[in-house]
Amino acid sequence: MMAEAEETGDDAPKKKSKLPLIIGLVLAIAGGGGGFYAVQSGALFGGESPDGVAAHEPADMMMDTPDVAFVPIDPVVISLGEGTAARHLRFRAQLEVMPLYKEEVAKLTPRVVDVLNSYLRALNPGDLENNSALVRLRAQMLRRIQIVTGADRVNDLLIMEFVLN
């Protein structure tokens, strides 16, 4: 009987040590904290922009923004398509210009509206359904505007409203 008692005592499962689990948990927390610090400080994925300013610096420490002016373009409503399937595009934008050229560009806004109106009327509703359509259209419109006003007069076209009904 004693032999049987010794055998059952040896077969009892031993408890595993929790030390590897604790070490793994501590290393995971340290790695997560180190990764967060590296990304937050700009050491990882931050770098510097071409002008030498760190990408994640607070706004008050960044260089001053360039002095620009904005020239509003009159809103345009355009019919797209024909017959009962006609849809309407409501478009409103502003031109980003250097303050020196604001008055000159403002005088040319009727020509700008004419160019935009002509371009947008030539579009089909299918041209506007693609996800990247607005980016492509914006580039096309900006190029046409720069031809009318002069390439160095208009820096950018800011689309304020682009609604297809």
N, C-alpha and C. Protein backbone atom coordinates (compact mmCIF):
# COMPACT_ATOMS: atom_id res chain seq x y z
N MET A 1 0.79 -1.18 0.00
CA MET A 1 0.00 0.00 0.00
C MET A 1 0.84 1.26 0.00
N MET A 2 1.92 1.18 0.61
CA MET A 2 2.78 2.33 0.63
C MET A 2 3.36 2.61 -0.76
N ALA A 3 3.58 1.59 -1.48
CA ALA A 3 4.09 1.75 -2.82
C ALA A 3 3.07 2.45 -3.70
N GLU A 4 1.80 2.14 -3.47
CA GLU A 4 0.75 2.79 -4.25
C GLU A 4 0.65 4.27 -3.90
N ALA A 5 0.81 4.64 -2.69
CA ALA A 5 0.73 6.02 -2.26
C ALA A 5 1.86 6.84 -2.85
N GLU A 6 3.05 6.24 -2.91
CA GLU A 6 4.19 6.95 -3.49
C GLU A 6 3.99 7.19 -4.97
N GLU A 7 3.40 6.22 -5.68
CA GLU A 7 3.18 6.37 -7.11
C GLU A 7 2.18 7.47 -7.41
N THR A 8 1.10 7.56 -6.67
CA THR A 8 0.11 8.61 -6.91
C THR A 8 0.67 9.97 -6.55
N GLY A 9 1.55 10.06 -5.59
CA GLY A 9 2.16 11.33 -5.22
C GLY A 9 3.10 11.84 -6.30
N ASP A 10 3.78 10.96 -7.01
CA ASP A 10 4.69 11.34 -8.07
C ASP A 10 3.94 11.77 -9.33
N ASP A 11 2.75 11.24 -9.55
CA ASP A 11 1.99 11.54 -10.76
C ASP A 11 1.27 12.88 -10.70
N ALA A 12 1.20 13.51 -9.58
CA ALA A 12 0.49 14.79 -9.45
C ALA A 12 1.19 15.83 -10.31
N PRO A 13 0.41 16.64 -11.12
CA PRO A 13 1.03 17.63 -12.00
C PRO A 13 1.69 18.75 -11.21
N LYS A 14 2.87 19.15 -11.67
CA LYS A 14 3.57 20.24 -11.03
C LYS A 14 3.07 21.55 -11.63
N LYS A 15 3.02 22.60 -10.83
CA LYS A 15 2.61 23.92 -11.32
C LYS A 15 3.76 24.51 -12.12
N LYS A 16 3.40 25.08 -13.30
CA LYS A 16 4.42 25.69 -14.14
C LYS A 16 4.78 27.06 -13.57
N SER A 17 5.98 27.49 -13.83
CA SER A 17 6.44 28.78 -13.36
C SER A 17 5.80 29.90 -14.19
N LYS A 18 5.40 30.97 -13.57
CA LYS A 18 4.79 32.11 -14.27
C LYS A 18 5.83 33.15 -14.65
N LEU A 19 7.08 32.86 -14.39
CA LEU A 19 8.15 33.79 -14.70
C LEU A 19 8.24 34.13 -16.19
N PRO A 20 8.16 33.16 -17.13
CA PRO A 20 8.21 33.53 -18.55
C PRO A 20 7.04 34.43 -18.98
N LEU A 21 5.87 34.19 -18.40
CA LEU A 21 4.72 35.03 -18.72
C LEU A 21 4.94 36.47 -18.24
N ILE A 22 5.46 36.63 -17.07
CA ILE A 22 5.72 37.96 -16.51
C ILE A 22 6.80 38.67 -17.31
N ILE A 23 7.85 37.95 -17.67
CA ILE A 23 8.93 38.55 -18.47
C ILE A 23 8.40 38.99 -19.83
N GLY A 24 7.57 38.15 -20.46
CA GLY A 24 6.99 38.50 -21.76
C GLY A 24 6.10 39.72 -21.66
N LEU A 25 5.31 39.81 -20.61
CA LEU A 25 4.43 40.96 -20.42
C LEU A 25 5.23 42.25 -20.22
N VAL A 26 6.28 42.19 -19.42
CA VAL A 26 7.13 43.36 -19.18
C VAL A 26 7.80 43.81 -20.48
N LEU A 27 8.30 42.85 -21.28
CA LEU A 27 8.94 43.19 -22.55
C LEU A 27 7.94 43.78 -23.55
N ALA A 28 6.73 43.27 -23.57
CA ALA A 28 5.70 43.81 -24.47
C ALA A 28 5.36 45.25 -24.10
N ILE A 29 5.21 45.52 -22.83
CA ILE A 29 4.90 46.89 -22.39
C ILE A 29 6.07 47.83 -22.70
N ALA A 30 7.30 47.37 -22.46
CA ALA A 30 8.47 48.20 -22.76
C ALA A 30 8.58 48.45 -24.26
N GLY A 31 8.34 47.43 -25.07
CA GLY A 31 8.39 47.61 -26.52
C GLY A 31 7.33 48.56 -27.03
N GLY A 32 6.13 48.44 -26.49
CA GLY A 32 5.04 49.35 -26.90
C GLY A 32 5.35 50.79 -26.52
N GLY A 33 5.88 50.98 -25.31
CA GLY A 33 6.24 52.33 -24.88
C GLY A 33 7.37 52.90 -25.71
N GLY A 34 8.36 52.08 -26.01
CA GLY A 34 9.47 52.54 -26.84
C GLY A 34 9.03 52.88 -28.25
N GLY A 35 8.14 52.07 -28.81
CA GLY A 35 7.61 52.36 -30.15
C GLY A 35 6.81 53.65 -30.18
N PHE A 36 5.98 53.84 -29.15
CA PHE A 36 5.20 55.08 -29.06
C PHE A 36 6.12 56.30 -28.99
N TYR A 37 7.16 56.21 -28.16
CA TYR A 37 8.09 57.32 -28.03
C TYR A 37 8.81 57.60 -29.36
N ALA A 38 9.23 56.54 -30.06
CA ALA A 38 9.96 56.72 -31.31
C ALA A 38 9.10 57.41 -32.36
N VAL A 39 7.83 57.04 -32.45
CA VAL A 39 6.93 57.67 -33.43
C VAL A 39 6.60 59.09 -33.01
N GLN A 40 6.32 59.29 -31.74
CA GLN A 40 5.93 60.60 -31.23
C GLN A 40 7.05 61.61 -31.34
N SER A 41 8.29 61.19 -31.12
CA SER A 41 9.42 62.12 -31.15
C SER A 41 9.91 62.39 -32.57
N GLY A 42 9.41 61.63 -33.53
CA GLY A 42 9.82 61.85 -34.91
C GLY A 42 11.02 61.02 -35.32
N ALA A 43 11.55 60.20 -34.41
CA ALA A 43 12.69 59.36 -34.74
C ALA A 43 12.30 58.28 -35.74
N LEU A 44 11.03 57.92 -35.75
CA LEU A 44 10.53 56.89 -36.65
C LEU A 44 9.35 57.47 -37.42
N PHE A 45 9.39 57.42 -38.73
CA PHE A 45 8.34 57.92 -39.62
C PHE A 45 8.18 59.44 -39.58
N GLY A 46 9.00 60.15 -38.85
CA GLY A 46 8.85 61.60 -38.77
C GLY A 46 9.77 62.30 -39.74
N GLY A 47 11.02 62.19 -39.47
CA GLY A 47 12.02 62.82 -40.32
C GLY A 47 11.83 64.32 -40.38
N GLU A 48 12.45 64.91 -41.37
CA GLU A 48 12.31 66.34 -41.58
C GLU A 48 11.78 66.59 -42.96
N SER A 49 11.02 67.66 -43.10
CA SER A 49 10.53 68.05 -44.41
C SER A 49 11.66 68.71 -45.17
N PRO A 50 11.50 68.93 -46.48
CA PRO A 50 12.58 69.53 -47.26
C PRO A 50 13.04 70.90 -46.76
N ASP A 51 12.16 71.64 -46.06
CA ASP A 51 12.56 72.95 -45.58
C ASP A 51 13.26 72.88 -44.22
N GLY A 52 13.52 71.66 -43.70
CA GLY A 52 14.27 71.52 -42.47
C GLY A 52 13.44 71.53 -41.22
N VAL A 53 12.12 71.61 -41.33
CA VAL A 53 11.25 71.64 -40.16
C VAL A 53 10.79 70.22 -39.90
N ALA A 54 10.86 69.79 -38.63
CA ALA A 54 10.40 68.44 -38.29
C ALA A 54 8.92 68.32 -38.61
N ALA A 55 8.53 67.14 -39.05
CA ALA A 55 7.15 66.94 -39.51
C ALA A 55 6.14 67.02 -38.39
N HIS A 56 6.52 66.71 -37.15
CA HIS A 56 5.56 66.68 -36.07
C HIS A 56 5.74 67.80 -35.05
N GLU A 57 6.31 68.91 -35.47
CA GLU A 57 6.47 70.03 -34.54
C GLU A 57 5.13 70.71 -34.33
N PRO A 58 4.91 71.27 -33.15
CA PRO A 58 3.67 72.00 -32.92
C PRO A 58 3.54 73.19 -33.87
N ALA A 59 2.32 73.61 -34.11
CA ALA A 59 2.05 74.66 -35.07
C ALA A 59 2.73 75.98 -34.71
N ASP A 60 2.85 76.29 -33.41
CA ASP A 60 3.45 77.56 -33.03
C ASP A 60 4.97 77.58 -33.27
N MET A 61 5.58 76.43 -33.46
CA MET A 61 7.01 76.39 -33.69
C MET A 61 7.35 76.29 -35.18
N MET A 62 6.34 76.10 -36.02
CA MET A 62 6.59 75.98 -37.46
C MET A 62 6.82 77.36 -38.05
N MET A 63 7.39 77.38 -39.24
CA MET A 63 7.65 78.64 -39.91
C MET A 63 6.33 79.31 -40.26
N ASP A 64 6.37 80.60 -40.44
CA ASP A 64 5.18 81.34 -40.81
C ASP A 64 4.66 80.86 -42.16
N THR A 65 3.33 80.87 -42.29
CA THR A 65 2.73 80.48 -43.55
C THR A 65 2.95 81.59 -44.57
N PRO A 66 3.04 81.23 -45.84
CA PRO A 66 3.26 82.26 -46.85
C PRO A 66 2.05 83.20 -46.91
N ASP A 67 2.32 84.43 -47.28
CA ASP A 67 1.27 85.43 -47.38
C ASP A 67 0.52 85.20 -48.70
N VAL A 68 -0.74 84.80 -48.58
CA VAL A 68 -1.57 84.55 -49.76
C VAL A 68 -2.88 85.29 -49.63
N ALA A 69 -3.53 85.46 -50.77
CA ALA A 69 -4.85 86.07 -50.81
C ALA A 69 -5.76 85.13 -51.58
N PHE A 70 -7.06 85.29 -51.38
CA PHE A 70 -8.03 84.43 -52.03
C PHE A 70 -9.01 85.26 -52.84
N VAL A 71 -9.24 84.82 -54.06
CA VAL A 71 -10.19 85.49 -54.94
C VAL A 71 -11.37 84.54 -55.14
N PRO A 72 -12.55 84.92 -54.68
CA PRO A 72 -13.71 84.03 -54.84
C PRO A 72 -14.18 83.99 -56.29
N ILE A 73 -14.65 82.84 -56.70
CA ILE A 73 -15.24 82.66 -58.02
C ILE A 73 -16.74 82.53 -57.83
N ASP A 74 -17.50 83.20 -58.67
CA ASP A 74 -18.95 83.12 -58.56
C ASP A 74 -19.41 81.68 -58.66
N PRO A 75 -20.41 81.27 -57.85
CA PRO A 75 -20.94 79.91 -57.93
C PRO A 75 -21.51 79.63 -59.33
N VAL A 76 -21.36 78.39 -59.75
CA VAL A 76 -21.81 77.97 -61.08
C VAL A 76 -22.70 76.75 -60.90
N VAL A 77 -23.85 76.73 -61.61
CA VAL A 77 -24.71 75.56 -61.66
C VAL A 77 -24.76 75.12 -63.11
N ILE A 78 -24.42 73.84 -63.34
CA ILE A 78 -24.29 73.33 -64.70
C ILE A 78 -25.16 72.10 -64.88
N SER A 79 -25.85 72.02 -66.02
CA SER A 79 -26.63 70.84 -66.36
C SER A 79 -25.72 69.84 -67.04
N LEU A 80 -25.74 68.62 -66.55
CA LEU A 80 -24.95 67.54 -67.14
C LEU A 80 -25.91 66.50 -67.70
N GLY A 81 -25.62 65.98 -68.85
CA GLY A 81 -26.48 64.98 -69.46
C GLY A 81 -27.61 65.62 -70.24
N GLU A 82 -28.46 64.77 -70.80
CA GLU A 82 -29.55 65.26 -71.64
C GLU A 82 -30.86 64.63 -71.23
N GLY A 83 -31.95 65.30 -71.57
CA GLY A 83 -33.30 64.75 -71.36
C GLY A 83 -33.65 64.59 -69.90
N THR A 84 -34.39 63.51 -69.62
CA THR A 84 -34.87 63.28 -68.25
C THR A 84 -33.75 62.82 -67.32
N ALA A 85 -32.66 62.35 -67.89
CA ALA A 85 -31.54 61.88 -67.07
C ALA A 85 -30.57 63.01 -66.71
N ALA A 86 -30.94 64.25 -67.00
CA ALA A 86 -30.05 65.38 -66.73
C ALA A 86 -29.82 65.52 -65.22
N ARG A 87 -28.59 65.81 -64.88
CA ARG A 87 -28.22 66.06 -63.49
C ARG A 87 -27.60 67.44 -63.43
N HIS A 88 -27.53 68.00 -62.24
CA HIS A 88 -26.98 69.34 -62.06
C HIS A 88 -25.76 69.29 -61.15
N LEU A 89 -24.77 70.07 -61.52
CA LEU A 89 -23.55 70.21 -60.74
C LEU A 89 -23.51 71.62 -60.18
N ARG A 90 -23.38 71.71 -58.87
CA ARG A 90 -23.23 73.01 -58.21
C ARG A 90 -21.77 73.12 -57.81
N PHE A 91 -21.11 74.17 -58.31
CA PHE A 91 -19.66 74.33 -58.13
C PHE A 91 -19.36 75.73 -57.60
N ARG A 92 -18.51 75.78 -56.57
CA ARG A 92 -18.05 77.05 -56.01
C ARG A 92 -16.60 76.87 -55.60
N ALA A 93 -15.77 77.86 -55.89
CA ALA A 93 -14.33 77.74 -55.60
C ALA A 93 -13.72 79.10 -55.31
N GLN A 94 -12.47 79.06 -54.88
CA GLN A 94 -11.67 80.26 -54.67
C GLN A 94 -10.28 80.01 -55.25
N LEU A 95 -9.66 81.09 -55.69
CA LEU A 95 -8.31 81.01 -56.24
C LEU A 95 -7.32 81.50 -55.20
N GLU A 96 -6.27 80.75 -54.99
CA GLU A 96 -5.20 81.18 -54.09
C GLU A 96 -4.16 81.90 -54.93
N VAL A 97 -3.92 83.18 -54.59
CA VAL A 97 -2.98 84.01 -55.35
C VAL A 97 -2.05 84.73 -54.38
N MET A 98 -0.97 85.22 -54.91
CA MET A 98 -0.10 86.08 -54.11
C MET A 98 -0.81 87.44 -53.97
N PRO A 99 -0.69 88.10 -52.83
CA PRO A 99 -1.40 89.37 -52.63
C PRO A 99 -1.09 90.41 -53.72
N LEU A 100 0.09 90.34 -54.27
CA LEU A 100 0.50 91.27 -55.32
C LEU A 100 -0.40 91.15 -56.55
N TYR A 101 -0.89 89.94 -56.84
CA TYR A 101 -1.69 89.70 -58.04
C TYR A 101 -3.20 89.63 -57.79
N LYS A 102 -3.63 89.90 -56.58
CA LYS A 102 -5.04 89.73 -56.25
C LYS A 102 -5.94 90.59 -57.14
N GLU A 103 -5.62 91.83 -57.31
CA GLU A 103 -6.46 92.73 -58.11
C GLU A 103 -6.47 92.33 -59.58
N GLU A 104 -5.31 91.93 -60.11
CA GLU A 104 -5.24 91.52 -61.51
C GLU A 104 -6.09 90.28 -61.76
N VAL A 105 -6.01 89.31 -60.86
CA VAL A 105 -6.78 88.08 -61.02
C VAL A 105 -8.26 88.36 -60.82
N ALA A 106 -8.60 89.24 -59.87
CA ALA A 106 -10.01 89.58 -59.65
C ALA A 106 -10.64 90.20 -60.89
N LYS A 107 -9.86 90.99 -61.64
CA LYS A 107 -10.37 91.58 -62.88
C LYS A 107 -10.63 90.51 -63.94
N LEU A 108 -9.92 89.40 -63.87
CA LEU A 108 -10.06 88.34 -64.86
C LEU A 108 -11.07 87.25 -64.47
N THR A 109 -11.77 87.41 -63.36
CA THR A 109 -12.70 86.37 -62.93
C THR A 109 -13.80 86.06 -63.95
N PRO A 110 -14.32 87.04 -64.72
CA PRO A 110 -15.30 86.64 -65.75
C PRO A 110 -14.73 85.65 -66.76
N ARG A 111 -13.48 85.82 -67.14
CA ARG A 111 -12.85 84.86 -68.06
C ARG A 111 -12.64 83.51 -67.39
N VAL A 112 -12.28 83.55 -66.12
CA VAL A 112 -12.08 82.31 -65.37
C VAL A 112 -13.39 81.54 -65.28
N VAL A 113 -14.48 82.24 -64.96
CA VAL A 113 -15.78 81.59 -64.88
C VAL A 113 -16.18 81.01 -66.23
N ASP A 114 -15.89 81.74 -67.30
CA ASP A 114 -16.20 81.26 -68.64
C ASP A 114 -15.43 79.98 -68.96
N VAL A 115 -14.15 79.94 -68.64
CA VAL A 115 -13.34 78.74 -68.89
C VAL A 115 -13.85 77.56 -68.08
N LEU A 116 -14.15 77.79 -66.81
CA LEU A 116 -14.65 76.72 -65.95
C LEU A 116 -16.01 76.22 -66.43
N ASN A 117 -16.88 77.17 -66.80
CA ASN A 117 -18.21 76.82 -67.29
C ASN A 117 -18.11 75.96 -68.54
N SER A 118 -17.25 76.35 -69.47
CA SER A 118 -17.07 75.58 -70.71
C SER A 118 -16.53 74.19 -70.43
N TYR A 119 -15.56 74.10 -69.56
CA TYR A 119 -14.96 72.80 -69.25
C TYR A 119 -15.96 71.89 -68.55
N LEU A 120 -16.65 72.41 -67.54
CA LEU A 120 -17.57 71.59 -66.77
C LEU A 120 -18.79 71.15 -67.59
N ARG A 121 -19.23 71.99 -68.53
CA ARG A 121 -20.36 71.61 -69.38
C ARG A 121 -20.00 70.48 -70.34
N ALA A 122 -18.74 70.33 -70.67
CA ALA A 122 -18.30 69.29 -71.58
C ALA A 122 -18.20 67.92 -70.90
N LEU A 123 -18.34 67.89 -69.59
CA LEU A 123 -18.24 66.63 -68.85
C LEU A 123 -19.53 65.82 -68.95
N ASN A 124 -19.37 64.52 -68.84
CA ASN A 124 -20.51 63.62 -68.73
C ASN A 124 -20.70 63.26 -67.27
N PRO A 125 -21.91 62.90 -66.84
CA PRO A 125 -22.08 62.48 -65.44
C PRO A 125 -21.17 61.31 -65.06
N GLY A 126 -20.85 60.45 -66.01
CA GLY A 126 -19.96 59.33 -65.74
C GLY A 126 -18.54 59.76 -65.40
N ASP A 127 -18.14 60.93 -65.90
CA ASP A 127 -16.80 61.46 -65.59
C ASP A 127 -16.64 61.82 -64.12
N LEU A 128 -17.76 62.03 -63.43
CA LEU A 128 -17.72 62.50 -62.05
C LEU A 128 -17.91 61.37 -61.04
N GLU A 129 -18.21 60.17 -61.50
CA GLU A 129 -18.54 59.08 -60.58
C GLU A 129 -17.31 58.35 -60.05
N ASN A 130 -16.18 58.49 -60.68
CA ASN A 130 -14.96 57.85 -60.23
C ASN A 130 -14.48 58.51 -58.94
N ASN A 131 -13.89 57.74 -58.03
CA ASN A 131 -13.41 58.28 -56.76
C ASN A 131 -12.33 59.34 -56.94
N SER A 132 -11.49 59.19 -57.94
CA SER A 132 -10.40 60.14 -58.14
C SER A 132 -10.79 61.25 -59.11
N ALA A 133 -12.05 61.37 -59.46
CA ALA A 133 -12.49 62.35 -60.44
C ALA A 133 -12.21 63.78 -59.98
N LEU A 134 -12.46 64.08 -58.73
CA LEU A 134 -12.29 65.46 -58.25
C LEU A 134 -10.83 65.90 -58.34
N VAL A 135 -9.92 65.01 -58.06
CA VAL A 135 -8.49 65.36 -58.14
C VAL A 135 -8.12 65.67 -59.59
N ARG A 136 -8.57 64.82 -60.49
CA ARG A 136 -8.26 65.01 -61.92
C ARG A 136 -8.92 66.28 -62.45
N LEU A 137 -10.18 66.50 -62.10
CA LEU A 137 -10.90 67.70 -62.56
C LEU A 137 -10.26 68.97 -62.00
N ARG A 138 -9.86 68.92 -60.76
CA ARG A 138 -9.23 70.08 -60.13
C ARG A 138 -7.95 70.45 -60.87
N ALA A 139 -7.14 69.46 -61.20
CA ALA A 139 -5.89 69.72 -61.93
C ALA A 139 -6.18 70.30 -63.31
N GLN A 140 -7.19 69.77 -63.99
CA GLN A 140 -7.56 70.28 -65.31
C GLN A 140 -8.06 71.73 -65.24
N MET A 141 -8.89 72.00 -64.24
CA MET A 141 -9.42 73.36 -64.10
C MET A 141 -8.31 74.34 -63.73
N LEU A 142 -7.42 73.95 -62.83
CA LEU A 142 -6.32 74.83 -62.43
C LEU A 142 -5.44 75.16 -63.63
N ARG A 143 -5.16 74.17 -64.46
CA ARG A 143 -4.34 74.41 -65.65
C ARG A 143 -5.01 75.41 -66.58
N ARG A 144 -6.30 75.28 -66.78
CA ARG A 144 -7.03 76.21 -67.65
C ARG A 144 -7.06 77.62 -67.06
N ILE A 145 -7.20 77.70 -65.75
CA ILE A 145 -7.20 79.01 -65.08
C ILE A 145 -5.84 79.67 -65.22
N GLN A 146 -4.78 78.90 -65.07
CA GLN A 146 -3.43 79.45 -65.18
C GLN A 146 -3.14 79.92 -66.60
N ILE A 147 -3.74 79.30 -67.59
CA ILE A 147 -3.57 79.77 -68.97
C ILE A 147 -4.25 81.12 -69.14
N VAL A 148 -5.42 81.29 -68.55
CA VAL A 148 -6.17 82.55 -68.68
C VAL A 148 -5.50 83.68 -67.90
N THR A 149 -5.05 83.39 -66.67
CA THR A 149 -4.52 84.45 -65.80
C THR A 149 -3.02 84.64 -65.90
N GLY A 150 -2.32 83.66 -66.39
CA GLY A 150 -0.86 83.68 -66.38
C GLY A 150 -0.40 82.64 -65.38
N ALA A 151 0.58 81.87 -65.74
CA ALA A 151 1.00 80.71 -64.95
C ALA A 151 1.47 81.08 -63.53
N ASP A 152 2.06 82.26 -63.36
CA ASP A 152 2.60 82.62 -62.05
C ASP A 152 1.61 83.40 -61.19
N ARG A 153 0.40 83.62 -61.67
CA ARG A 153 -0.59 84.43 -60.93
C ARG A 153 -1.40 83.60 -59.93
N VAL A 154 -1.80 82.40 -60.31
CA VAL A 154 -2.67 81.57 -59.47
C VAL A 154 -1.87 80.37 -58.97
N ASN A 155 -1.82 80.23 -57.63
CA ASN A 155 -1.09 79.12 -57.02
C ASN A 155 -1.93 77.85 -56.94
N ASP A 156 -3.22 78.01 -56.61
CA ASP A 156 -4.04 76.83 -56.38
C ASP A 156 -5.51 77.16 -56.58
N LEU A 157 -6.29 76.12 -56.83
CA LEU A 157 -7.74 76.21 -56.93
C LEU A 157 -8.31 75.48 -55.73
N LEU A 158 -9.03 76.20 -54.90
CA LEU A 158 -9.63 75.61 -53.71
C LEU A 158 -11.11 75.39 -53.97
N ILE A 159 -11.53 74.15 -54.02
CA ILE A 159 -12.93 73.83 -54.29
C ILE A 159 -13.71 73.89 -52.99
N MET A 160 -14.66 74.79 -52.95
CA MET A 160 -15.46 75.01 -51.74
C MET A 160 -16.74 74.17 -51.77
N GLU A 161 -17.27 73.95 -52.96
CA GLU A 161 -18.52 73.20 -53.09
C GLU A 161 -18.50 72.48 -54.44
N PHE A 162 -18.81 71.20 -54.41
CA PHE A 162 -18.85 70.38 -55.61
C PHE A 162 -19.95 69.34 -55.37
N VAL A 163 -21.17 69.69 -55.74
CA VAL A 163 -22.32 68.85 -55.43
C VAL A 163 -23.01 68.45 -56.72
N LEU A 164 -23.19 67.15 -56.88
CA LEU A 164 -23.88 66.61 -58.06
C LEU A 164 -25.26 66.13 -57.63
N ASN A 165 -26.30 66.75 -58.18
CA ASN A 165 -27.69 66.37 -57.85
C ASN A 165 -28.25 65.51 -58.95
